[in-house]
Amino acid sequence: MEKAYYFYFVPANAKRQFLLTKKTTSVLEGTYLMKDGRLLHEDEVDEEYCPKCFEELSYIEQFDAECCMECDEWRESACSDPNCGYCSGRPEKPSMYNEAEE
C-alpha cells in the first residue's frame, strides 16, 4: 500500500484537502512556497527572495546591499554615516544604478 500525504491549501474562506500519493520515503516538513515550479523553504524565502514579490534578490557589490529589481527597492536601508563608502553614493532606487559607472 502506498503512503498518502495530505497537503492543505487555505484560500480565503475554505479549507480543501488534497490527497497525493508517493512511492518515495522522503518527507518534506515545514512551511514552503511554490514559485515557478520550485518549492522554497521559508528560511530560503527570508534570505534569498523578496518578501513582497518573491523574486530572487540581487546583490550590488559597489553598495554592499541587496535589492529587488522587480520591486525596484533596496532590501537594506542606507546607514547614517555621511562618509560611508558604500551608502553615500547609493541611488534612491536600484534601477538608477548603472553598472558602467563602476
Protein backbone atom coordinates (compact mmCIF):
# COMPACT_ATOMS: atom_id res chain seq x y z
CA MET A 1 0.00 0.00 0.00
CA GLU A 2 1.32 3.44 -0.93
CA LYS A 3 1.79 6.13 1.68
CA ALA A 4 -0.58 9.07 1.42
CA TYR A 5 0.47 12.68 2.01
CA TYR A 6 -2.08 15.38 2.72
CA PHE A 7 -1.48 19.00 1.74
CA TYR A 8 -3.82 21.70 2.96
CA PHE A 9 -4.38 24.85 0.95
CA VAL A 10 -6.35 27.54 2.73
CA PRO A 11 -7.97 30.04 0.36
CA ALA A 12 -9.92 32.99 1.75
CA ASN A 13 -12.78 31.15 3.49
CA ALA A 14 -12.44 27.47 2.63
CA LYS A 15 -10.18 24.62 3.61
CA ARG A 16 -9.65 21.98 0.96
CA GLN A 17 -7.86 18.71 1.36
CA PHE A 18 -5.81 17.22 -1.45
CA LEU A 19 -4.57 13.65 -1.40
CA LEU A 20 -1.25 12.93 -3.09
CA THR A 21 0.37 9.52 -3.20
CA LYS A 22 4.11 8.94 -3.45
CA LYS A 23 6.30 5.87 -3.64
CA THR A 24 9.33 7.61 -2.14
CA THR A 25 10.18 7.73 1.52
CA SER A 26 11.33 11.35 1.59
CA VAL A 27 9.15 13.70 3.59
CA LEU A 28 9.17 17.49 3.49
CA GLU A 29 8.34 19.18 6.74
CA GLY A 30 7.91 22.88 7.37
CA THR A 31 6.43 25.84 5.55
CA TYR A 32 7.08 26.08 1.81
CA LEU A 33 6.21 28.43 -1.02
CA MET A 34 5.69 27.21 -4.57
CA LYS A 35 7.33 29.64 -7.02
CA ASP A 36 7.78 28.89 -10.73
CA GLY A 37 7.57 25.15 -10.15
CA ARG A 38 10.08 25.16 -7.28
CA LEU A 39 9.43 24.53 -3.61
CA LEU A 40 11.12 27.16 -1.48
CA HIS A 41 11.54 26.65 2.26
CA GLU A 42 10.52 29.60 4.44
CA ASP A 43 14.15 30.16 5.52
CA GLU A 44 15.23 30.35 1.88
CA VAL A 45 12.48 32.88 1.14
CA ASP A 46 13.56 35.11 4.05
CA GLU A 47 17.20 35.17 2.97
CA GLU A 48 17.23 34.93 -0.82
CA TYR A 49 13.88 36.21 -2.09
CA CYS A 50 11.93 39.45 -1.90
CA PRO A 51 9.20 39.26 0.76
CA LYS A 52 6.84 41.32 -1.44
CA CYS A 53 7.06 39.67 -4.88
CA PHE A 54 9.12 36.53 -4.10
CA GLU A 55 11.60 37.24 -6.90
CA GLU A 56 15.25 36.43 -6.26
CA LEU A 57 17.23 39.27 -4.64
CA SER A 58 20.21 40.86 -6.40
CA TYR A 59 23.41 41.93 -4.70
CA ILE A 60 25.21 45.09 -5.83
CA GLU A 61 28.76 44.90 -4.57
CA GLN A 62 29.52 48.61 -5.06
CA PHE A 63 26.92 49.48 -2.41
CA ASP A 64 27.26 46.25 -0.37
CA ALA A 65 23.46 45.91 -0.41
CA GLU A 66 20.75 43.58 -1.63
CA CYS A 67 17.85 44.80 -3.71
CA CYS A 68 14.80 43.54 -5.55
CA MET A 69 14.98 44.60 -9.17
CA GLU A 70 11.31 43.65 -9.72
CA CYS A 71 10.06 45.95 -6.92
CA ASP A 72 12.91 48.41 -7.56
CA GLU A 73 13.65 48.69 -3.83
CA TRP A 74 16.65 48.21 -1.60
CA ARG A 75 16.17 45.47 0.98
CA GLU A 76 18.51 47.23 3.42
CA SER A 77 18.38 50.85 4.45
CA ALA A 78 21.45 53.03 3.98
CA CYS A 79 23.49 53.83 7.06
CA SER A 80 23.54 57.33 8.54
CA ASP A 81 27.32 57.83 8.15
CA PRO A 82 27.88 60.58 5.51
CA ASN A 83 31.44 59.29 4.92
CA CYS A 84 30.42 55.67 4.27
CA GLY A 85 32.00 54.47 1.04
CA TYR A 86 29.05 52.24 0.28
CA CYS A 87 25.95 54.19 1.27
CA SER A 88 26.96 57.78 0.49
CA GLY A 89 26.77 57.30 -3.29
CA ARG A 90 23.89 54.84 -3.35
CA PRO A 91 21.00 55.95 -5.58
CA GLU A 92 17.46 56.13 -4.23
CA LYS A 93 16.34 53.16 -6.34
CA PRO A 94 18.37 50.23 -7.72
CA SER A 95 17.15 50.96 -11.27
CA MET A 96 19.00 54.29 -11.11
CA TYR A 97 22.31 52.42 -10.73
CA ASN A 98 24.36 51.99 -13.92
CA GLU A 99 26.97 49.22 -13.73
CA ALA A 100 29.10 51.11 -16.24
CA GLU A 101 29.75 53.77 -13.59
CA GLU A 102 31.99 51.39 -11.57
